[in-house]
Amino acid sequence: MKRIISALLLCSVLLLLIGAANDHRYNDLGTKIQCACGCNQALVKCNHVGCTYSDRMIGELKSTLAQYPNDEDVLNWFRNNYGITIVIAPATHGFEGTIWWVPPVLCFFVLLLVIVLIRHWRKRAELAPVTGVDPSLDAYRARARQETEL
């Protein structure tokens, strides 16, 4: 009898854990998909009054979650049925993957360019002879030195 109760308790705990994981997956993917009604909100956060899309799309999300174990497959299903703009977060592969790696690479090259330019300007300033000193100002310099001596 104790074994049956402990087995039932174990099964119920496992079902709760699986349900919690599915809820987390549902919420995570539901925030990556945009509602098709035009409210520009995530699917699970659509509060558009009288929305005719969210209930149907939430049902489709739940059925695709049961059908596909991989999250990317679920997102691809929505991309195929509603267009690529329905998924808020871009894919991490293919052409959409460039969104993830191009900005850091550009920032690195811009930073590198700024460092090279600053070094070049410093070298040029150190090597450049001082020119353009007007000899007629020597009298004023001498007077300024004389008046500022202690």
N, C-alpha and C. Protein backbone atom coordinates (compact mmCIF):
# COMPACT_ATOMS: atom_id res chain seq x y z
N MET A 1 0.82 -1.20 0.00
CA MET A 1 0.00 0.00 0.00
C MET A 1 0.87 1.27 0.00
N LYS A 2 1.93 1.23 0.81
CA LYS A 2 2.83 2.38 0.86
C LYS A 2 3.52 2.60 -0.48
N ARG A 3 3.84 1.49 -1.15
CA ARG A 3 4.50 1.61 -2.44
C ARG A 3 3.56 2.24 -3.47
N ILE A 4 2.31 1.89 -3.42
CA ILE A 4 1.34 2.45 -4.37
C ILE A 4 1.17 3.94 -4.13
N ILE A 5 1.09 4.33 -2.88
CA ILE A 5 0.94 5.76 -2.55
C ILE A 5 2.19 6.53 -2.95
N SER A 6 3.36 5.96 -2.67
CA SER A 6 4.60 6.66 -3.04
C SER A 6 4.74 6.73 -4.57
N ALA A 7 4.31 5.67 -5.29
CA ALA A 7 4.36 5.71 -6.76
C ALA A 7 3.40 6.75 -7.31
N LEU A 8 2.19 6.83 -6.74
CA LEU A 8 1.23 7.85 -7.17
C LEU A 8 1.75 9.25 -6.87
N LEU A 9 2.35 9.42 -5.72
CA LEU A 9 2.92 10.72 -5.36
C LEU A 9 4.05 11.09 -6.31
N LEU A 10 4.90 10.14 -6.63
CA LEU A 10 6.00 10.39 -7.56
C LEU A 10 5.47 10.75 -8.95
N CYS A 11 4.46 10.04 -9.41
CA CYS A 11 3.87 10.34 -10.72
C CYS A 11 3.24 11.73 -10.74
N SER A 12 2.57 12.10 -9.67
CA SER A 12 1.95 13.42 -9.64
C SER A 12 3.00 14.53 -9.62
N VAL A 13 4.09 14.31 -8.91
CA VAL A 13 5.18 15.30 -8.89
C VAL A 13 5.80 15.42 -10.28
N LEU A 14 6.01 14.29 -10.94
CA LEU A 14 6.57 14.33 -12.30
C LEU A 14 5.63 15.05 -13.26
N LEU A 15 4.35 14.80 -13.15
CA LEU A 15 3.38 15.49 -14.01
C LEU A 15 3.38 16.99 -13.75
N LEU A 16 3.50 17.38 -12.50
CA LEU A 16 3.58 18.81 -12.18
C LEU A 16 4.83 19.45 -12.76
N LEU A 17 5.97 18.73 -12.67
CA LEU A 17 7.21 19.26 -13.23
C LEU A 17 7.13 19.36 -14.75
N ILE A 18 6.54 18.37 -15.40
CA ILE A 18 6.39 18.41 -16.85
C ILE A 18 5.45 19.55 -17.24
N GLY A 19 4.38 19.71 -16.49
CA GLY A 19 3.44 20.81 -16.76
C GLY A 19 4.10 22.16 -16.57
N ALA A 20 4.94 22.29 -15.55
CA ALA A 20 5.64 23.56 -15.32
C ALA A 20 6.62 23.84 -16.45
N ALA A 21 7.29 22.80 -16.94
CA ALA A 21 8.22 22.99 -18.06
C ALA A 21 7.46 23.39 -19.32
N ASN A 22 6.30 22.77 -19.54
CA ASN A 22 5.50 23.14 -20.71
C ASN A 22 4.96 24.55 -20.59
N ASP A 23 4.57 24.97 -19.38
CA ASP A 23 4.11 26.35 -19.18
C ASP A 23 5.23 27.34 -19.46
N HIS A 24 6.44 27.00 -19.00
CA HIS A 24 7.58 27.87 -19.26
C HIS A 24 7.86 27.95 -20.76
N ARG A 25 7.82 26.82 -21.42
CA ARG A 25 8.05 26.79 -22.87
C ARG A 25 6.95 27.55 -23.61
N TYR A 26 5.71 27.39 -23.17
CA TYR A 26 4.57 28.09 -23.77
C TYR A 26 4.75 29.60 -23.62
N ASN A 27 5.10 30.06 -22.42
CA ASN A 27 5.29 31.50 -22.19
C ASN A 27 6.49 32.03 -22.96
N ASP A 28 7.56 31.24 -22.99
CA ASP A 28 8.76 31.69 -23.69
C ASP A 28 8.50 31.84 -25.19
N LEU A 29 7.88 30.84 -25.79
CA LEU A 29 7.59 30.92 -27.22
C LEU A 29 6.47 31.90 -27.51
N GLY A 30 5.51 32.02 -26.61
CA GLY A 30 4.40 32.95 -26.80
C GLY A 30 4.85 34.40 -26.82
N THR A 31 5.97 34.70 -26.15
CA THR A 31 6.50 36.06 -26.18
C THR A 31 7.39 36.30 -27.39
N LYS A 32 7.78 35.24 -28.09
CA LYS A 32 8.59 35.40 -29.30
C LYS A 32 7.73 35.51 -30.56
N ILE A 33 6.42 35.25 -30.41
CA ILE A 33 5.51 35.30 -31.55
C ILE A 33 4.61 36.51 -31.40
N GLN A 34 4.42 37.24 -32.48
CA GLN A 34 3.57 38.43 -32.47
C GLN A 34 2.15 38.06 -32.86
N CYS A 35 1.19 38.68 -32.21
CA CYS A 35 -0.21 38.45 -32.55
C CYS A 35 -0.48 39.03 -33.94
N ALA A 36 -1.27 38.33 -34.73
CA ALA A 36 -1.51 38.72 -36.12
C ALA A 36 -2.61 39.77 -36.25
N CYS A 37 -3.19 40.23 -35.14
CA CYS A 37 -4.30 41.19 -35.23
C CYS A 37 -3.84 42.61 -35.55
N GLY A 38 -2.54 42.86 -35.43
CA GLY A 38 -2.03 44.19 -35.74
C GLY A 38 -1.77 45.04 -34.52
N CYS A 39 -1.90 44.47 -33.33
CA CYS A 39 -1.69 45.24 -32.10
C CYS A 39 -0.21 45.38 -31.75
N ASN A 40 0.66 44.67 -32.47
CA ASN A 40 2.12 44.69 -32.26
C ASN A 40 2.51 44.25 -30.86
N GLN A 41 1.77 43.31 -30.30
CA GLN A 41 2.11 42.76 -29.00
C GLN A 41 2.43 41.28 -29.15
N ALA A 42 3.12 40.75 -28.13
CA ALA A 42 3.40 39.32 -28.12
C ALA A 42 2.09 38.56 -28.02
N LEU A 43 2.09 37.35 -28.54
CA LEU A 43 0.87 36.57 -28.62
C LEU A 43 0.23 36.34 -27.25
N VAL A 44 1.02 35.96 -26.26
CA VAL A 44 0.44 35.67 -24.95
C VAL A 44 0.11 36.94 -24.16
N LYS A 45 0.54 38.09 -24.66
CA LYS A 45 0.26 39.36 -23.96
C LYS A 45 -0.70 40.25 -24.73
N CYS A 46 -1.35 39.70 -25.75
CA CYS A 46 -2.28 40.49 -26.55
C CYS A 46 -3.52 40.81 -25.72
N ASN A 47 -3.75 42.09 -25.49
CA ASN A 47 -4.92 42.51 -24.72
C ASN A 47 -5.89 43.30 -25.60
N HIS A 48 -5.79 43.09 -26.89
CA HIS A 48 -6.64 43.76 -27.86
C HIS A 48 -8.08 43.28 -27.66
N VAL A 49 -8.98 44.19 -27.39
CA VAL A 49 -10.38 43.84 -27.13
C VAL A 49 -11.01 43.32 -28.41
N GLY A 50 -11.60 42.16 -28.34
CA GLY A 50 -12.26 41.56 -29.49
C GLY A 50 -11.29 40.97 -30.50
N CYS A 51 -10.11 40.60 -30.06
CA CYS A 51 -9.10 40.04 -30.96
C CYS A 51 -9.59 38.68 -31.47
N THR A 52 -9.64 38.57 -32.79
CA THR A 52 -10.10 37.32 -33.39
C THR A 52 -8.95 36.38 -33.69
N TYR A 53 -7.73 36.84 -33.53
CA TYR A 53 -6.57 36.02 -33.87
C TYR A 53 -5.95 35.32 -32.66
N SER A 54 -5.91 35.99 -31.51
CA SER A 54 -5.12 35.47 -30.39
C SER A 54 -5.61 34.11 -29.91
N ASP A 55 -6.92 33.91 -29.78
CA ASP A 55 -7.41 32.62 -29.30
C ASP A 55 -7.03 31.49 -30.25
N ARG A 56 -7.20 31.74 -31.54
CA ARG A 56 -6.86 30.72 -32.53
C ARG A 56 -5.35 30.46 -32.53
N MET A 57 -4.56 31.53 -32.47
CA MET A 57 -3.10 31.36 -32.51
C MET A 57 -2.58 30.70 -31.25
N ILE A 58 -3.19 30.99 -30.10
CA ILE A 58 -2.78 30.33 -28.86
C ILE A 58 -3.09 28.84 -28.94
N GLY A 59 -4.25 28.48 -29.51
CA GLY A 59 -4.57 27.07 -29.72
C GLY A 59 -3.56 26.41 -30.65
N GLU A 60 -3.17 27.11 -31.71
CA GLU A 60 -2.16 26.58 -32.63
C GLU A 60 -0.81 26.44 -31.94
N LEU A 61 -0.48 27.40 -31.07
CA LEU A 61 0.77 27.31 -30.33
C LEU A 61 0.78 26.09 -29.43
N LYS A 62 -0.31 25.86 -28.72
CA LYS A 62 -0.38 24.70 -27.83
C LYS A 62 -0.30 23.40 -28.61
N SER A 63 -0.96 23.33 -29.76
CA SER A 63 -0.90 22.09 -30.54
C SER A 63 0.49 21.87 -31.15
N THR A 64 1.15 22.95 -31.59
CA THR A 64 2.50 22.78 -32.14
C THR A 64 3.52 22.47 -31.05
N LEU A 65 3.27 22.95 -29.84
CA LEU A 65 4.15 22.58 -28.72
C LEU A 65 4.08 21.09 -28.46
N ALA A 66 2.89 20.52 -28.57
CA ALA A 66 2.74 19.07 -28.36
C ALA A 66 3.31 18.30 -29.54
N GLN A 67 3.27 18.90 -30.73
CA GLN A 67 3.71 18.20 -31.94
C GLN A 67 5.22 18.25 -32.13
N TYR A 68 5.84 19.39 -31.84
CA TYR A 68 7.27 19.57 -32.08
C TYR A 68 8.02 19.72 -30.76
N PRO A 69 9.04 18.88 -30.53
CA PRO A 69 9.81 19.01 -29.29
C PRO A 69 10.82 20.16 -29.32
N ASN A 70 11.18 20.61 -30.51
CA ASN A 70 12.19 21.66 -30.65
C ASN A 70 11.50 23.02 -30.80
N ASP A 71 11.96 24.02 -30.06
CA ASP A 71 11.37 25.35 -30.10
C ASP A 71 11.51 26.00 -31.47
N GLU A 72 12.64 25.78 -32.11
CA GLU A 72 12.87 26.39 -33.43
C GLU A 72 11.89 25.83 -34.46
N ASP A 73 11.52 24.56 -34.31
CA ASP A 73 10.53 23.98 -35.23
C ASP A 73 9.16 24.65 -35.06
N VAL A 74 8.81 24.96 -33.81
CA VAL A 74 7.54 25.65 -33.55
C VAL A 74 7.56 27.04 -34.19
N LEU A 75 8.67 27.76 -34.01
CA LEU A 75 8.78 29.09 -34.61
C LEU A 75 8.76 29.02 -36.14
N ASN A 76 9.40 27.99 -36.68
CA ASN A 76 9.39 27.82 -38.14
C ASN A 76 7.98 27.52 -38.64
N TRP A 77 7.20 26.78 -37.87
CA TRP A 77 5.81 26.51 -38.26
C TRP A 77 5.03 27.82 -38.36
N PHE A 78 5.21 28.70 -37.38
CA PHE A 78 4.53 29.99 -37.43
C PHE A 78 5.06 30.86 -38.56
N ARG A 79 6.37 30.79 -38.83
CA ARG A 79 6.92 31.55 -39.97
C ARG A 79 6.32 31.07 -41.29
N ASN A 80 6.18 29.76 -41.42
CA ASN A 80 5.65 29.21 -42.67
C ASN A 80 4.17 29.53 -42.85
N ASN A 81 3.40 29.56 -41.77
CA ASN A 81 1.96 29.77 -41.88
C ASN A 81 1.55 31.24 -41.84
N TYR A 82 2.32 32.09 -41.17
CA TYR A 82 1.93 33.50 -41.02
C TYR A 82 2.94 34.48 -41.63
N GLY A 83 4.06 33.99 -42.10
CA GLY A 83 5.11 34.86 -42.65
C GLY A 83 6.23 35.05 -41.65
N ILE A 84 7.39 35.45 -42.14
CA ILE A 84 8.55 35.53 -41.26
C ILE A 84 8.45 36.68 -40.26
N THR A 85 7.61 37.66 -40.52
CA THR A 85 7.51 38.79 -39.60
C THR A 85 6.67 38.48 -38.37
N ILE A 86 6.03 37.32 -38.32
CA ILE A 86 5.19 36.98 -37.17
C ILE A 86 6.05 36.64 -35.96
N VAL A 87 7.28 36.19 -36.21
CA VAL A 87 8.19 35.85 -35.12
C VAL A 87 8.99 37.09 -34.78
N ILE A 88 8.90 37.52 -33.52
CA ILE A 88 9.55 38.75 -33.08
C ILE A 88 11.07 38.59 -33.05
N ALA A 89 11.53 37.51 -32.45
CA ALA A 89 12.96 37.27 -32.34
C ALA A 89 13.48 36.64 -33.63
N PRO A 90 14.54 37.18 -34.22
CA PRO A 90 15.06 36.60 -35.45
C PRO A 90 15.73 35.25 -35.18
N ALA A 91 15.80 34.44 -36.22
CA ALA A 91 16.45 33.14 -36.11
C ALA A 91 17.95 33.35 -35.92
N THR A 92 18.60 32.34 -35.38
CA THR A 92 20.04 32.44 -35.13
C THR A 92 20.86 31.80 -36.23
N HIS A 93 20.23 31.41 -37.33
CA HIS A 93 20.95 30.81 -38.44
C HIS A 93 20.42 31.40 -39.75
N GLY A 94 21.15 31.14 -40.82
CA GLY A 94 20.73 31.65 -42.12
C GLY A 94 20.92 33.16 -42.22
N PHE A 95 20.16 33.78 -43.11
CA PHE A 95 20.29 35.21 -43.32
C PHE A 95 19.91 36.00 -42.07
N GLU A 96 18.88 35.54 -41.34
CA GLU A 96 18.47 36.24 -40.13
C GLU A 96 19.55 36.16 -39.05
N GLY A 97 20.44 35.18 -39.15
CA GLY A 97 21.53 35.06 -38.19
C GLY A 97 22.52 36.20 -38.27
N THR A 98 22.55 36.88 -39.42
CA THR A 98 23.48 38.01 -39.55
C THR A 98 23.12 39.13 -38.59
N ILE A 99 21.87 39.19 -38.19
CA ILE A 99 21.45 40.22 -37.23
C ILE A 99 22.19 40.06 -35.91
N TRP A 100 22.56 38.85 -35.58
CA TRP A 100 23.22 38.59 -34.31
C TRP A 100 24.71 38.86 -34.33
N TRP A 101 25.39 38.64 -35.47
CA TRP A 101 26.84 38.78 -35.46
C TRP A 101 27.37 40.02 -36.17
N VAL A 102 26.60 40.66 -37.03
CA VAL A 102 27.10 41.84 -37.74
C VAL A 102 27.34 43.03 -36.80
N PRO A 103 26.41 43.41 -35.92
CA PRO A 103 26.68 44.58 -35.06
C PRO A 103 27.93 44.46 -34.18
N PRO A 104 28.17 43.32 -33.51
CA PRO A 104 29.42 43.25 -32.73
C PRO A 104 30.67 43.34 -33.60
N VAL A 105 30.63 42.73 -34.79
CA VAL A 105 31.79 42.79 -35.68
C VAL A 105 32.02 44.22 -36.15
N LEU A 106 30.96 44.92 -36.52
CA LEU A 106 31.10 46.32 -36.93
C LEU A 106 31.63 47.19 -35.80
N CYS A 107 31.13 46.99 -34.59
CA CYS A 107 31.62 47.75 -33.44
C CYS A 107 33.11 47.50 -33.22
N PHE A 108 33.54 46.26 -33.37
CA PHE A 108 34.95 45.93 -33.21
C PHE A 108 35.80 46.66 -34.24
N PHE A 109 35.38 46.63 -35.51
CA PHE A 109 36.16 47.29 -36.56
C PHE A 109 36.15 48.81 -36.42
N VAL A 110 35.06 49.39 -35.99
CA VAL A 110 35.01 50.84 -35.76
C VAL A 110 35.94 51.22 -34.61
N LEU A 111 35.93 50.44 -33.54
CA LEU A 111 36.82 50.69 -32.42
C LEU A 111 38.28 50.58 -32.86
N LEU A 112 38.58 49.57 -33.65
CA LEU A 112 39.93 49.39 -34.17
C LEU A 112 40.33 50.57 -35.05
N LEU A 113 39.44 51.06 -35.88
CA LEU A 113 39.71 52.21 -36.74
C LEU A 113 39.98 53.47 -35.91
N VAL A 114 39.19 53.67 -34.86
CA VAL A 114 39.40 54.84 -33.99
C VAL A 114 40.76 54.76 -33.31
N ILE A 115 41.15 53.59 -32.85
CA ILE A 115 42.46 53.45 -32.19
C ILE A 115 43.58 53.74 -33.18
N VAL A 116 43.48 53.20 -34.39
CA VAL A 116 44.51 53.44 -35.41
C VAL A 116 44.59 54.93 -35.76
N LEU A 117 43.43 55.58 -35.93
CA LEU A 117 43.44 57.01 -36.26
C LEU A 117 44.06 57.85 -35.14
N ILE A 118 43.73 57.56 -33.91
CA ILE A 118 44.30 58.32 -32.79
C ILE A 118 45.81 58.14 -32.74
N ARG A 119 46.29 56.92 -32.92
CA ARG A 119 47.74 56.69 -32.92
C ARG A 119 48.41 57.44 -34.08
N HIS A 120 47.78 57.41 -35.23
CA HIS A 120 48.33 58.12 -36.40
C HIS A 120 48.39 59.62 -36.13
N TRP A 121 47.36 60.19 -35.57
CA TRP A 121 47.33 61.62 -35.28
C TRP A 121 48.38 61.99 -34.23
N ARG A 122 48.57 61.14 -33.23
CA ARG A 122 49.59 61.43 -32.21
C ARG A 122 50.99 61.39 -32.81
N LYS A 123 51.27 60.40 -33.65
CA LYS A 123 52.58 60.31 -34.29
C LYS A 123 52.83 61.53 -35.17
N ARG A 124 51.82 61.92 -35.93
CA ARG A 124 51.95 63.07 -36.82
C ARG A 124 52.19 64.35 -36.02
N ALA A 125 51.53 64.49 -34.88
CA ALA A 125 51.72 65.68 -34.05
C ALA A 125 53.11 65.70 -33.43
N GLU A 126 53.65 64.53 -33.06
CA GLU A 126 54.99 64.47 -32.47
C GLU A 126 56.06 64.76 -33.51
N LEU A 127 55.87 64.30 -34.73
CA LEU A 127 56.88 64.46 -35.78
C LEU A 127 56.82 65.81 -36.48
N ALA A 128 55.70 66.46 -36.43
CA ALA A 128 55.54 67.71 -37.16
C ALA A 128 56.33 68.82 -36.48
N PRO A 129 57.14 69.56 -37.26
CA PRO A 129 57.88 70.68 -36.67
C PRO A 129 56.91 71.84 -36.37
N VAL A 130 57.28 72.60 -35.39
CA VAL A 130 56.46 73.75 -35.02
C VAL A 130 56.72 74.84 -36.04
N THR A 131 55.70 75.21 -36.74
CA THR A 131 55.83 76.26 -37.76
C THR A 131 54.78 77.31 -37.51
N GLY A 132 54.94 78.40 -38.17
CA GLY A 132 53.94 79.46 -38.07
C GLY A 132 54.14 80.36 -36.86
N VAL A 133 55.36 80.32 -36.26
CA VAL A 133 55.62 81.20 -35.13
C VAL A 133 55.96 82.58 -35.70
N ASP A 134 55.21 83.55 -35.30
CA ASP A 134 55.39 84.91 -35.81
C ASP A 134 56.48 85.60 -34.99
N PRO A 135 57.57 86.02 -35.65
CA PRO A 135 58.66 86.68 -34.91
C PRO A 135 58.25 88.02 -34.33
N SER A 136 57.20 88.63 -34.85
CA SER A 136 56.79 89.93 -34.31
C SER A 136 56.14 89.78 -32.94
N LEU A 137 55.80 88.56 -32.56
CA LEU A 137 55.19 88.33 -31.25
C LEU A 137 56.22 88.06 -30.16
N ASP A 138 57.51 87.98 -30.55
CA ASP A 138 58.55 87.69 -29.56
C ASP A 138 58.61 88.77 -28.48
N ALA A 139 58.37 90.02 -28.85
CA ALA A 139 58.40 91.11 -27.87
C ALA A 139 57.29 90.92 -26.85
N TYR A 140 56.15 90.52 -27.31
CA TYR A 140 55.03 90.29 -26.37
C TYR A 140 55.30 89.09 -25.46
N ARG A 141 55.93 88.06 -26.00
CA ARG A 141 56.26 86.89 -25.17
C ARG A 141 57.28 87.27 -24.09
N ALA A 142 58.25 88.02 -24.49
CA ALA A 142 59.28 88.43 -23.52
C ALA A 142 58.65 89.29 -22.44
N ARG A 143 57.75 90.19 -22.81
CA ARG A 143 57.09 91.05 -21.83
C ARG A 143 56.21 90.22 -20.89
N ALA A 144 55.50 89.20 -21.42
CA ALA A 144 54.64 88.34 -20.59
C ALA A 144 55.49 87.54 -19.63
N ARG A 145 56.67 87.06 -20.07
CA ARG A 145 57.55 86.31 -19.17
C ARG A 145 58.09 87.23 -18.06
N GLN A 146 58.42 88.43 -18.43
CA GLN A 146 58.97 89.37 -17.46
C GLN A 146 57.93 89.77 -16.44
N GLU A 147 56.68 89.97 -16.85
CA GLU A 147 55.65 90.40 -15.92
C GLU A 147 55.15 89.26 -15.03
N THR A 148 55.32 88.03 -15.47
CA THR A 148 54.81 86.91 -14.66
C THR A 148 55.88 86.28 -13.79
N GLU A 149 57.11 86.80 -13.83
CA GLU A 149 58.14 86.27 -12.94
C GLU A 149 57.87 86.73 -11.52
N LEU A 150 58.23 85.89 -10.60
CA LEU A 150 58.04 86.24 -9.18
C LEU A 150 59.25 86.87 -8.58
